[in-house]
Amino acid sequence: MTDTEQKSGWILLGAAGVLALLYLLTGYGLPIEYPAVVALKASGILLLAVYAARRQAFLLAMALAASAIGDAMLALEPARLTLGIFAFGTAHILYGWIFLRNLRRRRMRGPSGYVLAALLAAFGIAMLVWLQPGMGDLRIPASVYNAIILAMAILAVLSRAPWLAVIGALLFVASDSLIALDLFRDYDPAWRGPAVWITYVIAQFCLTLGLVRERL
């Protein structure tokens, strides 16, 4: 990689971080109105997709682009929940594919991976059972999405992918769990919204920086 390419990469990452911060600040009075806020929400992750594509990590770029579409769907008024679930489900399938390729090339991580995988499976099943009564019309898509993100995270902890990417997968599970608490359990304390966005953005940065060298 040339110095120019490296510099442009850092510019893309920095711009993505600034855009993500600006979206967070809209919750604290930053005057960006609808529908501009929809574009703002998706733009930071879209820049991460551009960064990944420039590094020839095309599956990663596709996963990030699908995530950006999901962000836009959830920011619309009213939110397009089913389309958002589908977009993020597609992103997690792509992330899972990357982790699976890593797993097949480098074998399993070992005892730590098995323990984390078992804990994730138990957590995912418990959350699904607990949230089912409040899912209503979203029962089927939400249950399928739960299985997809859980499978992605389990593949992450079992693979020998960089720990930065594994942390990203786990943070994604945490972020989506907080969203589910609001959607299906009507649990929405003041800190939940910022926590969802912060964990989500950090997750995407960790996945990007951890997986960009996979070049899939």
N, C-alpha and C. Protein backbone atom coordinates (compact mmCIF):
# COMPACT_ATOMS: atom_id res chain seq x y z
N MET A 1 0.85 -1.20 0.00
CA MET A 1 0.00 0.00 0.00
C MET A 1 0.88 1.24 0.00
N THR A 2 0.57 2.16 -0.89
CA THR A 2 1.35 3.39 -0.97
C THR A 2 0.98 4.34 0.16
N ASP A 3 1.83 5.34 0.36
CA ASP A 3 1.54 6.33 1.40
C ASP A 3 0.24 7.08 1.10
N THR A 4 -0.01 7.35 -0.18
CA THR A 4 -1.24 8.05 -0.56
C THR A 4 -2.47 7.21 -0.23
N GLU A 5 -2.40 5.91 -0.55
CA GLU A 5 -3.52 5.01 -0.25
C GLU A 5 -3.75 4.90 1.25
N GLN A 6 -2.64 4.83 2.00
CA GLN A 6 -2.77 4.74 3.46
C GLN A 6 -3.38 6.02 4.03
N LYS A 7 -2.96 7.15 3.51
CA LYS A 7 -3.50 8.43 3.98
C LYS A 7 -4.98 8.55 3.67
N SER A 8 -5.38 8.16 2.45
CA SER A 8 -6.79 8.24 2.08
C SER A 8 -7.62 7.29 2.92
N GLY A 9 -7.03 6.15 3.30
CA GLY A 9 -7.73 5.22 4.17
C GLY A 9 -8.02 5.83 5.54
N TRP A 10 -7.01 6.48 6.10
CA TRP A 10 -7.21 7.15 7.39
C TRP A 10 -8.23 8.27 7.30
N ILE A 11 -8.26 8.96 6.16
CA ILE A 11 -9.25 10.03 5.96
C ILE A 11 -10.66 9.45 5.95
N LEU A 12 -10.84 8.32 5.25
CA LEU A 12 -12.15 7.67 5.21
C LEU A 12 -12.58 7.23 6.61
N LEU A 13 -11.66 6.63 7.36
CA LEU A 13 -12.01 6.17 8.71
C LEU A 13 -12.33 7.35 9.62
N GLY A 14 -11.54 8.42 9.50
CA GLY A 14 -11.81 9.59 10.32
C GLY A 14 -13.14 10.24 9.99
N ALA A 15 -13.44 10.34 8.69
CA ALA A 15 -14.71 10.93 8.28
C ALA A 15 -15.88 10.08 8.75
N ALA A 16 -15.71 8.76 8.68
CA ALA A 16 -16.77 7.86 9.16
C ALA A 16 -17.03 8.08 10.64
N GLY A 17 -15.96 8.25 11.41
CA GLY A 17 -16.12 8.49 12.84
C GLY A 17 -16.80 9.82 13.13
N VAL A 18 -16.44 10.84 12.39
CA VAL A 18 -17.05 12.16 12.59
C VAL A 18 -18.54 12.12 12.27
N LEU A 19 -18.90 11.47 11.17
CA LEU A 19 -20.31 11.37 10.79
C LEU A 19 -21.11 10.59 11.83
N ALA A 20 -20.51 9.52 12.35
CA ALA A 20 -21.19 8.74 13.39
C ALA A 20 -21.40 9.59 14.64
N LEU A 21 -20.40 10.39 15.00
CA LEU A 21 -20.53 11.27 16.16
C LEU A 21 -21.60 12.32 15.94
N LEU A 22 -21.66 12.88 14.74
CA LEU A 22 -22.69 13.88 14.43
C LEU A 22 -24.09 13.28 14.58
N TYR A 23 -24.25 12.03 14.13
CA TYR A 23 -25.57 11.41 14.29
C TYR A 23 -25.90 11.23 15.77
N LEU A 24 -24.93 10.83 16.56
CA LEU A 24 -25.16 10.70 17.99
C LEU A 24 -25.61 12.03 18.59
N LEU A 25 -25.00 13.11 18.14
CA LEU A 25 -25.31 14.44 18.68
C LEU A 25 -26.69 14.94 18.28
N THR A 26 -27.30 14.34 17.24
CA THR A 26 -28.67 14.74 16.91
C THR A 26 -29.63 14.43 18.05
N GLY A 27 -29.25 13.48 18.89
CA GLY A 27 -30.06 13.17 20.05
C GLY A 27 -29.87 14.15 21.19
N TYR A 28 -28.92 15.06 21.03
CA TYR A 28 -28.63 16.05 22.07
C TYR A 28 -28.79 17.48 21.54
N GLY A 29 -29.61 17.62 20.51
CA GLY A 29 -29.96 18.96 20.05
C GLY A 29 -29.30 19.43 18.78
N LEU A 30 -28.42 18.62 18.16
CA LEU A 30 -27.82 19.05 16.91
C LEU A 30 -28.93 19.19 15.85
N PRO A 31 -29.08 20.36 15.24
CA PRO A 31 -30.25 20.64 14.41
C PRO A 31 -30.15 20.08 13.00
N ILE A 32 -30.30 18.78 12.87
CA ILE A 32 -30.35 18.14 11.56
C ILE A 32 -31.72 17.48 11.45
N GLU A 33 -32.48 17.93 10.49
CA GLU A 33 -33.88 17.52 10.39
C GLU A 33 -34.07 16.32 9.46
N TYR A 34 -35.21 15.69 9.59
CA TYR A 34 -35.63 14.63 8.68
C TYR A 34 -35.94 15.24 7.32
N PRO A 35 -35.54 14.65 6.18
CA PRO A 35 -34.93 13.33 6.02
C PRO A 35 -33.40 13.34 6.00
N ALA A 36 -32.77 14.52 6.18
CA ALA A 36 -31.31 14.57 6.14
C ALA A 36 -30.68 13.66 7.19
N VAL A 37 -31.37 13.49 8.31
CA VAL A 37 -30.83 12.65 9.38
C VAL A 37 -30.75 11.18 8.95
N VAL A 38 -31.59 10.77 8.01
CA VAL A 38 -31.54 9.39 7.50
C VAL A 38 -30.22 9.17 6.77
N ALA A 39 -29.87 10.13 5.89
CA ALA A 39 -28.61 10.03 5.16
C ALA A 39 -27.42 10.10 6.12
N LEU A 40 -27.50 10.95 7.12
CA LEU A 40 -26.42 11.07 8.08
C LEU A 40 -26.19 9.75 8.82
N LYS A 41 -27.27 9.10 9.22
CA LYS A 41 -27.13 7.86 9.97
C LYS A 41 -26.41 6.79 9.16
N ALA A 42 -26.73 6.72 7.88
CA ALA A 42 -26.14 5.67 7.03
C ALA A 42 -24.76 6.03 6.51
N SER A 43 -24.41 7.30 6.47
CA SER A 43 -23.23 7.74 5.73
C SER A 43 -21.92 7.25 6.33
N GLY A 44 -21.82 7.23 7.66
CA GLY A 44 -20.57 6.80 8.28
C GLY A 44 -20.24 5.36 7.96
N ILE A 45 -21.23 4.48 8.07
CA ILE A 45 -21.01 3.06 7.78
C ILE A 45 -20.75 2.86 6.29
N LEU A 46 -21.39 3.69 5.46
CA LEU A 46 -21.15 3.60 4.02
C LEU A 46 -19.69 3.95 3.69
N LEU A 47 -19.13 4.90 4.41
CA LEU A 47 -17.71 5.22 4.21
C LEU A 47 -16.81 4.06 4.63
N LEU A 48 -17.21 3.33 5.67
CA LEU A 48 -16.46 2.13 6.04
C LEU A 48 -16.51 1.10 4.91
N ALA A 49 -17.66 1.02 4.24
CA ALA A 49 -17.78 0.10 3.10
C ALA A 49 -16.83 0.50 1.98
N VAL A 50 -16.74 1.81 1.73
CA VAL A 50 -15.81 2.31 0.71
C VAL A 50 -14.37 1.97 1.10
N TYR A 51 -14.05 2.16 2.37
CA TYR A 51 -12.70 1.83 2.88
C TYR A 51 -12.39 0.36 2.63
N ALA A 52 -13.35 -0.53 2.97
CA ALA A 52 -13.13 -1.96 2.78
C ALA A 52 -12.97 -2.31 1.30
N ALA A 53 -13.79 -1.70 0.45
CA ALA A 53 -13.70 -1.97 -0.99
C ALA A 53 -12.35 -1.53 -1.55
N ARG A 54 -11.85 -0.40 -1.08
CA ARG A 54 -10.55 0.09 -1.53
C ARG A 54 -9.43 -0.85 -1.09
N ARG A 55 -9.65 -1.58 -0.01
CA ARG A 55 -8.67 -2.57 0.46
C ARG A 55 -8.95 -3.95 -0.12
N GLN A 56 -9.86 -4.04 -1.07
CA GLN A 56 -10.22 -5.27 -1.78
C GLN A 56 -10.83 -6.32 -0.86
N ALA A 57 -11.44 -5.90 0.23
CA ALA A 57 -12.19 -6.79 1.11
C ALA A 57 -13.66 -6.67 0.73
N PHE A 58 -14.04 -7.34 -0.36
CA PHE A 58 -15.32 -7.06 -0.99
C PHE A 58 -16.51 -7.63 -0.23
N LEU A 59 -16.37 -8.80 0.38
CA LEU A 59 -17.46 -9.32 1.21
C LEU A 59 -17.71 -8.40 2.40
N LEU A 60 -16.64 -7.93 2.99
CA LEU A 60 -16.75 -6.98 4.10
C LEU A 60 -17.44 -5.70 3.64
N ALA A 61 -17.06 -5.21 2.47
CA ALA A 61 -17.69 -3.99 1.93
C ALA A 61 -19.18 -4.21 1.71
N MET A 62 -19.55 -5.38 1.22
CA MET A 62 -20.97 -5.69 1.01
C MET A 62 -21.73 -5.75 2.33
N ALA A 63 -21.10 -6.33 3.36
CA ALA A 63 -21.73 -6.41 4.68
C ALA A 63 -21.96 -5.02 5.25
N LEU A 64 -20.98 -4.15 5.10
CA LEU A 64 -21.10 -2.79 5.61
C LEU A 64 -22.15 -2.00 4.82
N ALA A 65 -22.19 -2.20 3.51
CA ALA A 65 -23.21 -1.52 2.69
C ALA A 65 -24.61 -1.98 3.09
N ALA A 66 -24.78 -3.29 3.34
CA ALA A 66 -26.08 -3.79 3.79
C ALA A 66 -26.45 -3.19 5.15
N SER A 67 -25.47 -3.03 6.02
CA SER A 67 -25.71 -2.40 7.32
C SER A 67 -26.17 -0.95 7.15
N ALA A 68 -25.53 -0.24 6.22
CA ALA A 68 -25.92 1.15 5.98
C ALA A 68 -27.37 1.24 5.49
N ILE A 69 -27.76 0.28 4.64
CA ILE A 69 -29.16 0.24 4.19
C ILE A 69 -30.08 -0.01 5.38
N GLY A 70 -29.67 -0.93 6.26
CA GLY A 70 -30.46 -1.19 7.46
C GLY A 70 -30.59 0.04 8.33
N ASP A 71 -29.51 0.79 8.48
CA ASP A 71 -29.56 2.04 9.24
C ASP A 71 -30.60 2.99 8.66
N ALA A 72 -30.59 3.12 7.33
CA ALA A 72 -31.53 4.02 6.68
C ALA A 72 -32.97 3.56 6.89
N MET A 73 -33.21 2.26 6.77
CA MET A 73 -34.57 1.73 6.94
C MET A 73 -35.11 2.01 8.34
N LEU A 74 -34.23 1.89 9.33
CA LEU A 74 -34.68 2.11 10.71
C LEU A 74 -34.81 3.59 11.05
N ALA A 75 -34.18 4.45 10.26
CA ALA A 75 -34.26 5.90 10.52
C ALA A 75 -35.44 6.55 9.81
N LEU A 76 -36.07 5.83 8.90
CA LEU A 76 -37.23 6.40 8.20
C LEU A 76 -38.40 6.60 9.15
N GLU A 77 -39.30 7.46 8.79
CA GLU A 77 -40.51 7.72 9.59
C GLU A 77 -41.74 7.41 8.76
N PRO A 78 -42.48 6.31 9.09
CA PRO A 78 -42.17 5.35 10.16
C PRO A 78 -41.05 4.41 9.74
N ALA A 79 -40.42 3.79 10.74
CA ALA A 79 -39.31 2.87 10.47
C ALA A 79 -39.80 1.66 9.68
N ARG A 80 -38.99 1.22 8.75
CA ARG A 80 -39.28 0.01 7.97
C ARG A 80 -38.57 -1.15 8.66
N LEU A 81 -39.21 -1.67 9.72
CA LEU A 81 -38.55 -2.65 10.58
C LEU A 81 -38.22 -3.94 9.84
N THR A 82 -39.17 -4.44 9.06
CA THR A 82 -38.93 -5.71 8.35
C THR A 82 -37.78 -5.57 7.36
N LEU A 83 -37.76 -4.47 6.61
CA LEU A 83 -36.67 -4.24 5.67
C LEU A 83 -35.34 -4.04 6.40
N GLY A 84 -35.39 -3.36 7.55
CA GLY A 84 -34.18 -3.18 8.35
C GLY A 84 -33.64 -4.50 8.85
N ILE A 85 -34.54 -5.35 9.33
CA ILE A 85 -34.13 -6.68 9.79
C ILE A 85 -33.51 -7.48 8.65
N PHE A 86 -34.14 -7.40 7.47
CA PHE A 86 -33.62 -8.12 6.31
C PHE A 86 -32.23 -7.62 5.93
N ALA A 87 -32.04 -6.30 5.93
CA ALA A 87 -30.74 -5.73 5.55
C ALA A 87 -29.65 -6.14 6.54
N PHE A 88 -29.93 -6.03 7.83
CA PHE A 88 -28.93 -6.41 8.82
C PHE A 88 -28.71 -7.92 8.84
N GLY A 89 -29.78 -8.69 8.59
CA GLY A 89 -29.61 -10.13 8.47
C GLY A 89 -28.66 -10.48 7.34
N THR A 90 -28.81 -9.79 6.21
CA THR A 90 -27.90 -10.00 5.08
C THR A 90 -26.46 -9.65 5.48
N ALA A 91 -26.29 -8.56 6.20
CA ALA A 91 -24.95 -8.17 6.66
C ALA A 91 -24.34 -9.25 7.53
N HIS A 92 -25.13 -9.82 8.44
CA HIS A 92 -24.59 -10.83 9.34
C HIS A 92 -24.28 -12.13 8.62
N ILE A 93 -25.05 -12.45 7.58
CA ILE A 93 -24.72 -13.62 6.78
C ILE A 93 -23.36 -13.43 6.11
N LEU A 94 -23.11 -12.24 5.60
CA LEU A 94 -21.82 -11.95 4.97
C LEU A 94 -20.69 -11.95 5.98
N TYR A 95 -20.91 -11.35 7.15
CA TYR A 95 -19.88 -11.42 8.20
C TYR A 95 -19.62 -12.88 8.59
N GLY A 96 -20.69 -13.64 8.75
CA GLY A 96 -20.54 -15.04 9.11
C GLY A 96 -19.77 -15.82 8.06
N TRP A 97 -20.00 -15.50 6.79
CA TRP A 97 -19.26 -16.15 5.71
C TRP A 97 -17.76 -15.88 5.84
N ILE A 98 -17.41 -14.64 6.15
CA ILE A 98 -16.00 -14.30 6.33
C ILE A 98 -15.40 -15.10 7.48
N PHE A 99 -16.11 -15.15 8.61
CA PHE A 99 -15.60 -15.91 9.75
C PHE A 99 -15.51 -17.40 9.44
N LEU A 100 -16.48 -17.92 8.68
CA LEU A 100 -16.46 -19.34 8.31
C LEU A 100 -15.26 -19.65 7.42
N ARG A 101 -14.97 -18.76 6.47
CA ARG A 101 -13.80 -18.95 5.62
C ARG A 101 -12.53 -18.95 6.46
N ASN A 102 -12.46 -18.06 7.44
CA ASN A 102 -11.33 -18.01 8.34
C ASN A 102 -11.22 -19.32 9.13
N LEU A 103 -12.36 -19.80 9.58
CA LEU A 103 -12.40 -21.03 10.38
C LEU A 103 -11.91 -22.22 9.57
N ARG A 104 -12.31 -22.30 8.33
CA ARG A 104 -11.91 -23.43 7.48
C ARG A 104 -10.44 -23.38 7.13
N ARG A 105 -9.87 -22.19 7.04
CA ARG A 105 -8.46 -22.04 6.70
C ARG A 105 -7.54 -22.27 7.90
N ARG A 106 -7.99 -21.78 9.06
CA ARG A 106 -7.07 -21.75 10.21
C ARG A 106 -7.51 -22.62 11.38
N ARG A 107 -8.59 -23.35 11.21
CA ARG A 107 -9.14 -24.23 12.25
C ARG A 107 -9.69 -23.43 13.43
N MET A 108 -10.19 -24.18 14.42
CA MET A 108 -10.88 -23.52 15.53
C MET A 108 -9.90 -22.90 16.52
N ARG A 109 -10.43 -21.91 17.25
CA ARG A 109 -9.60 -21.17 18.18
C ARG A 109 -9.14 -22.03 19.34
N GLY A 110 -9.97 -22.94 19.83
CA GLY A 110 -9.60 -23.77 20.95
C GLY A 110 -10.55 -23.60 22.12
N PRO A 111 -10.14 -23.96 23.34
CA PRO A 111 -11.04 -23.94 24.50
C PRO A 111 -11.74 -22.61 24.73
N SER A 112 -11.05 -21.50 24.57
CA SER A 112 -11.70 -20.20 24.79
C SER A 112 -12.84 -19.99 23.80
N GLY A 113 -12.66 -20.44 22.57
CA GLY A 113 -13.71 -20.34 21.58
C GLY A 113 -14.92 -21.18 21.93
N TYR A 114 -14.67 -22.40 22.41
CA TYR A 114 -15.78 -23.29 22.78
C TYR A 114 -16.61 -22.69 23.93
N VAL A 115 -15.92 -22.14 24.91
CA VAL A 115 -16.61 -21.56 26.06
C VAL A 115 -17.46 -20.37 25.63
N LEU A 116 -16.86 -19.47 24.83
CA LEU A 116 -17.60 -18.31 24.37
C LEU A 116 -18.78 -18.71 23.48
N ALA A 117 -18.59 -19.72 22.65
CA ALA A 117 -19.67 -20.18 21.78
C ALA A 117 -20.83 -20.72 22.61
N ALA A 118 -20.51 -21.50 23.65
CA ALA A 118 -21.56 -22.05 24.51
C ALA A 118 -22.31 -20.94 25.25
N LEU A 119 -21.59 -19.94 25.73
CA LEU A 119 -22.22 -18.82 26.43
C LEU A 119 -23.12 -18.03 25.48
N LEU A 120 -22.66 -17.81 24.27
CA LEU A 120 -23.46 -17.09 23.28
C LEU A 120 -24.73 -17.84 22.94
N ALA A 121 -24.61 -19.16 22.75
CA ALA A 121 -25.78 -19.96 22.42
C ALA A 121 -26.81 -19.89 23.54
N ALA A 122 -26.34 -20.01 24.78
CA ALA A 122 -27.25 -19.95 25.92
C ALA A 122 -27.92 -18.59 26.02
N PHE A 123 -27.13 -17.54 25.83
CA PHE A 123 -27.68 -16.18 25.88
C PHE A 123 -28.72 -15.97 24.78
N GLY A 124 -28.40 -16.38 23.56
CA GLY A 124 -29.31 -16.18 22.44
C GLY A 124 -30.63 -16.91 22.62
N ILE A 125 -30.56 -18.14 23.10
CA ILE A 125 -31.79 -18.91 23.32
C ILE A 125 -32.63 -18.29 24.43
N ALA A 126 -31.96 -17.88 25.51
CA ALA A 126 -32.68 -17.26 26.63
C ALA A 126 -33.36 -15.96 26.20
N MET A 127 -32.65 -15.14 25.42
CA MET A 127 -33.23 -13.88 24.94
C MET A 127 -34.42 -14.14 24.04
N LEU A 128 -34.29 -15.12 23.16
CA LEU A 128 -35.37 -15.41 22.23
C LEU A 128 -36.62 -15.85 22.97
N VAL A 129 -36.47 -16.72 23.93
CA VAL A 129 -37.62 -17.21 24.71
C VAL A 129 -38.25 -16.06 25.48
N TRP A 130 -37.42 -15.21 26.07
CA TRP A 130 -37.91 -14.11 26.90
C TRP A 130 -38.63 -13.05 26.07
N LEU A 131 -38.14 -12.81 24.86
CA LEU A 131 -38.71 -11.74 24.03
C LEU A 131 -39.90 -12.18 23.19
N GLN A 132 -40.08 -13.47 23.01
CA GLN A 132 -41.14 -13.98 22.13
C GLN A 132 -42.52 -13.38 22.40
N PRO A 133 -42.97 -13.26 23.64
CA PRO A 133 -44.34 -12.75 23.87
C PRO A 133 -44.58 -11.35 23.32
N GLY A 134 -43.55 -10.52 23.17
CA GLY A 134 -43.74 -9.16 22.71
C GLY A 134 -43.45 -8.95 21.23
N MET A 135 -43.15 -10.02 20.50
CA MET A 135 -42.73 -9.87 19.10
C MET A 135 -43.89 -9.63 18.14
N GLY A 136 -45.04 -10.13 18.44
CA GLY A 136 -46.21 -9.88 17.60
C GLY A 136 -45.99 -10.27 16.15
N ASP A 137 -46.27 -9.36 15.22
CA ASP A 137 -46.15 -9.64 13.79
C ASP A 137 -44.70 -9.84 13.35
N LEU A 138 -43.75 -9.41 14.17
CA LEU A 138 -42.34 -9.57 13.83
C LEU A 138 -41.75 -10.87 14.37
N ARG A 139 -42.58 -11.76 14.89
CA ARG A 139 -42.08 -12.98 15.52
C ARG A 139 -41.17 -13.78 14.58
N ILE A 140 -41.62 -14.00 13.35
CA ILE A 140 -40.83 -14.83 12.43
C ILE A 140 -39.56 -14.11 11.98
N PRO A 141 -39.65 -12.89 11.41
CA PRO A 141 -38.39 -12.24 10.99
C PRO A 141 -37.43 -11.98 12.15
N ALA A 142 -37.96 -11.62 13.32
CA ALA A 142 -37.08 -11.35 14.46
C ALA A 142 -36.40 -12.63 14.95
N SER A 143 -37.14 -13.75 14.94
CA SER A 143 -36.56 -15.03 15.36
C SER A 143 -35.48 -15.49 14.39
N VAL A 144 -35.75 -15.33 13.09
CA VAL A 144 -34.75 -15.70 12.08
C VAL A 144 -33.51 -14.82 12.23
N TYR A 145 -33.73 -13.52 12.44
CA TYR A 145 -32.60 -12.60 12.61
C TYR A 145 -31.78 -12.98 13.84
N ASN A 146 -32.45 -13.33 14.93
CA ASN A 146 -31.76 -13.75 16.14
C ASN A 146 -30.85 -14.94 15.86
N ALA A 147 -31.36 -15.91 15.09
CA ALA A 147 -30.55 -17.08 14.76
C ALA A 147 -29.35 -16.70 13.89
N ILE A 148 -29.55 -15.77 12.96
CA ILE A 148 -28.47 -15.38 12.05
C ILE A 148 -27.35 -14.65 12.80
N ILE A 149 -27.71 -13.67 13.62
CA ILE A 149 -26.66 -12.92 14.32
C ILE A 149 -25.97 -13.80 15.35
N LEU A 150 -26.72 -14.73 15.94
CA LEU A 150 -26.11 -15.65 16.90
C LEU A 150 -25.11 -16.56 16.20
N ALA A 151 -25.49 -17.08 15.02
CA ALA A 151 -24.58 -17.93 14.25
C ALA A 151 -23.33 -17.15 13.85
N MET A 152 -23.50 -15.88 13.44
CA MET A 152 -22.35 -15.06 13.07
C MET A 152 -21.39 -14.90 14.24
N ALA A 153 -21.94 -14.59 15.41
CA ALA A 153 -21.09 -14.37 16.58
C ALA A 153 -20.40 -15.66 17.02
N ILE A 154 -21.10 -16.79 16.93
CA ILE A 154 -20.49 -18.08 17.30
C ILE A 154 -19.36 -18.41 16.34
N LEU A 155 -19.56 -18.19 15.04
CA LEU A 155 -18.48 -18.41 14.08
C LEU A 155 -17.29 -17.49 14.38
N ALA A 156 -17.60 -16.28 14.81
CA ALA A 156 -16.52 -15.33 15.13
C ALA A 156 -15.66 -15.85 16.27
N VAL A 157 -16.28 -16.30 17.36
CA VAL A 157 -15.50 -16.72 18.53
C VAL A 157 -14.81 -18.06 18.29
N LEU A 158 -15.36 -18.88 17.40
CA LEU A 158 -14.72 -20.17 17.10
C LEU A 158 -13.55 -20.01 16.14
N SER A 159 -13.60 -18.98 15.30
CA SER A 159 -12.55 -18.79 14.30
C SER A 159 -11.30 -18.20 14.93
N ARG A 160 -10.25 -18.20 14.13
CA ARG A 160 -9.01 -17.56 14.57
C ARG A 160 -8.88 -16.15 13.97
N ALA A 161 -10.02 -15.54 13.74
CA ALA A 161 -10.01 -14.15 13.28
C ALA A 161 -9.40 -13.26 14.36
N PRO A 162 -8.88 -12.11 13.99
CA PRO A 162 -8.31 -11.20 14.99
C PRO A 162 -9.31 -10.89 16.10
N TRP A 163 -8.81 -10.76 17.32
CA TRP A 163 -9.70 -10.50 18.45
C TRP A 163 -10.47 -9.20 18.27
N LEU A 164 -9.90 -8.25 17.54
CA LEU A 164 -10.62 -7.00 17.28
C LEU A 164 -11.93 -7.29 16.55
N ALA A 165 -11.88 -8.18 15.56
CA ALA A 165 -13.09 -8.55 14.83
C ALA A 165 -14.06 -9.32 15.72
N VAL A 166 -13.54 -10.18 16.57
CA VAL A 166 -14.39 -10.94 17.49
C VAL A 166 -15.11 -9.99 18.45
N ILE A 167 -14.38 -9.02 18.97
CA ILE A 167 -14.99 -8.02 19.85
C ILE A 167 -16.09 -7.28 19.10
N GLY A 168 -15.85 -6.97 17.83
CA GLY A 168 -16.88 -6.31 17.03
C GLY A 168 -18.14 -7.14 16.92
N ALA A 169 -17.99 -8.44 16.69
CA ALA A 169 -19.15 -9.32 16.60
C ALA A 169 -19.92 -9.36 17.91
N LEU A 170 -19.21 -9.42 19.02
CA LEU A 170 -19.86 -9.46 20.34
C LEU A 170 -20.56 -8.13 20.65
N LEU A 171 -19.94 -7.03 20.28
CA LEU A 171 -20.58 -5.73 20.49
C LEU A 171 -21.84 -5.58 19.64
N PHE A 172 -21.84 -6.18 18.45
CA PHE A 172 -23.03 -6.15 17.61
C PHE A 172 -24.18 -6.87 18.30
N VAL A 173 -23.88 -8.00 18.91
CA VAL A 173 -24.90 -8.74 19.66
C VAL A 173 -25.43 -7.88 20.80
N ALA A 174 -24.52 -7.21 21.51
CA ALA A 174 -24.94 -6.35 22.63
C ALA A 174 -25.83 -5.21 22.15
N SER A 175 -25.45 -4.56 21.04
CA SER A 175 -26.22 -3.45 20.51
C SER A 175 -27.62 -3.90 20.09
N ASP A 176 -27.68 -5.02 19.37
CA ASP A 176 -28.99 -5.51 18.92
C ASP A 176 -29.86 -5.98 20.08
N SER A 177 -29.23 -6.48 21.13
CA SER A 177 -30.00 -6.90 22.31
C SER A 177 -30.67 -5.69 22.96
N LEU A 178 -29.97 -4.56 22.99
CA LEU A 178 -30.56 -3.34 23.55
C LEU A 178 -31.72 -2.85 22.69
N ILE A 179 -31.58 -2.98 21.36
CA ILE A 179 -32.70 -2.62 20.47
C ILE A 179 -33.90 -3.51 20.74
N ALA A 180 -33.65 -4.81 20.89
CA ALA A 180 -34.73 -5.77 21.12
C ALA A 180 -35.47 -5.48 22.43
N LEU A 181 -34.74 -5.03 23.44
CA LEU A 181 -35.39 -4.71 24.71
C LEU A 181 -36.43 -3.61 24.55
N ASP A 182 -36.12 -2.64 23.69
CA ASP A 182 -37.07 -1.56 23.44
C ASP A 182 -38.24 -2.04 22.58
N LEU A 183 -37.93 -2.77 21.51
CA LEU A 183 -38.97 -3.20 20.57
C LEU A 183 -39.95 -4.18 21.20
N PHE A 184 -39.42 -5.12 21.96
CA PHE A 184 -40.24 -6.25 22.38
C PHE A 184 -40.53 -6.31 23.88
N ARG A 185 -39.85 -5.44 24.66
CA ARG A 185 -40.10 -5.41 26.10
C ARG A 185 -40.40 -4.00 26.61
N ASP A 186 -40.43 -3.04 25.66
CA ASP A 186 -40.75 -1.65 26.00
C ASP A 186 -39.85 -1.13 27.11
N TYR A 187 -38.56 -1.48 27.03
CA TYR A 187 -37.57 -1.03 28.02
C TYR A 187 -36.70 0.03 27.35
N ASP A 188 -36.89 1.29 27.70
CA ASP A 188 -36.21 2.37 27.01
C ASP A 188 -35.75 3.46 27.99
N PRO A 189 -34.77 3.14 28.86
CA PRO A 189 -34.21 4.19 29.72
C PRO A 189 -33.43 5.20 28.88
N ALA A 190 -33.11 6.32 29.45
CA ALA A 190 -32.47 7.41 28.71
C ALA A 190 -31.13 7.00 28.10
N TRP A 191 -30.42 6.09 28.75
CA TRP A 191 -29.09 5.72 28.27
C TRP A 191 -29.13 4.71 27.13
N ARG A 192 -30.27 4.07 26.90
CA ARG A 192 -30.33 2.96 25.95
C ARG A 192 -30.00 3.41 24.52
N GLY A 193 -30.64 4.50 24.05
CA GLY A 193 -30.41 4.95 22.68
C GLY A 193 -28.95 5.25 22.38
N PRO A 194 -28.30 6.11 23.18
CA PRO A 194 -26.87 6.36 22.95
C PRO A 194 -26.03 5.09 23.04
N ALA A 195 -26.36 4.20 23.99
CA ALA A 195 -25.59 2.96 24.14
C ALA A 195 -25.72 2.08 22.90
N VAL A 196 -26.92 2.03 22.32
CA VAL A 196 -27.13 1.25 21.09
C VAL A 196 -26.22 1.77 19.99
N TRP A 197 -26.23 3.07 19.77
CA TRP A 197 -25.45 3.64 18.67
C TRP A 197 -23.95 3.51 18.90
N ILE A 198 -23.51 3.79 20.12
CA ILE A 198 -22.07 3.72 20.42
C ILE A 198 -21.55 2.31 20.25
N THR A 199 -22.25 1.31 20.82
CA THR A 199 -21.78 -0.07 20.69
C THR A 199 -21.84 -0.52 19.23
N TYR A 200 -22.85 -0.08 18.51
CA TYR A 200 -22.98 -0.45 17.10
C TYR A 200 -21.84 0.11 16.26
N VAL A 201 -21.54 1.38 16.43
CA VAL A 201 -20.48 2.01 15.64
C VAL A 201 -19.12 1.40 15.98
N ILE A 202 -18.85 1.20 17.26
CA ILE A 202 -17.59 0.57 17.65
C ILE A 202 -17.51 -0.83 17.07
N ALA A 203 -18.63 -1.56 17.08
CA ALA A 203 -18.67 -2.90 16.49
C ALA A 203 -18.29 -2.87 15.02
N GLN A 204 -18.86 -1.92 14.28
CA GLN A 204 -18.57 -1.85 12.85
C GLN A 204 -17.12 -1.46 12.59
N PHE A 205 -16.57 -0.56 13.38
CA PHE A 205 -15.17 -0.21 13.22
C PHE A 205 -14.27 -1.40 13.55
N CYS A 206 -14.59 -2.13 14.62
CA CYS A 206 -13.79 -3.29 15.00
C CYS A 206 -13.85 -4.37 13.91
N LEU A 207 -15.04 -4.62 13.38
CA LEU A 207 -15.17 -5.60 12.31
C LEU A 207 -14.40 -5.16 11.07
N THR A 208 -14.50 -3.89 10.75
CA THR A 208 -13.80 -3.38 9.57
C THR A 208 -12.30 -3.51 9.70
N LEU A 209 -11.76 -3.01 10.80
CA LEU A 209 -10.31 -3.03 10.99
C LEU A 209 -9.79 -4.44 11.23
N GLY A 210 -10.63 -5.29 11.85
CA GLY A 210 -10.20 -6.65 12.12
C GLY A 210 -10.26 -7.56 10.90
N LEU A 211 -11.22 -7.32 9.99
CA LEU A 211 -11.44 -8.23 8.87
C LEU A 211 -10.93 -7.72 7.54
N VAL A 212 -10.49 -6.47 7.47
CA VAL A 212 -10.14 -5.89 6.17
C VAL A 212 -9.00 -6.66 5.50
N ARG A 213 -8.17 -7.30 6.28
CA ARG A 213 -7.06 -8.04 5.70
C ARG A 213 -7.45 -9.43 5.22
N GLU A 214 -8.68 -9.84 5.52
CA GLU A 214 -9.13 -11.15 5.01
C GLU A 214 -9.27 -11.12 3.49
N ARG A 215 -9.58 -9.94 2.92
CA ARG A 215 -9.64 -9.75 1.46
C ARG A 215 -10.58 -10.76 0.79
N LEU A 216 -11.77 -10.92 1.34
CA LEU A 216 -12.75 -11.84 0.75
C LEU A 216 -13.84 -11.05 0.04
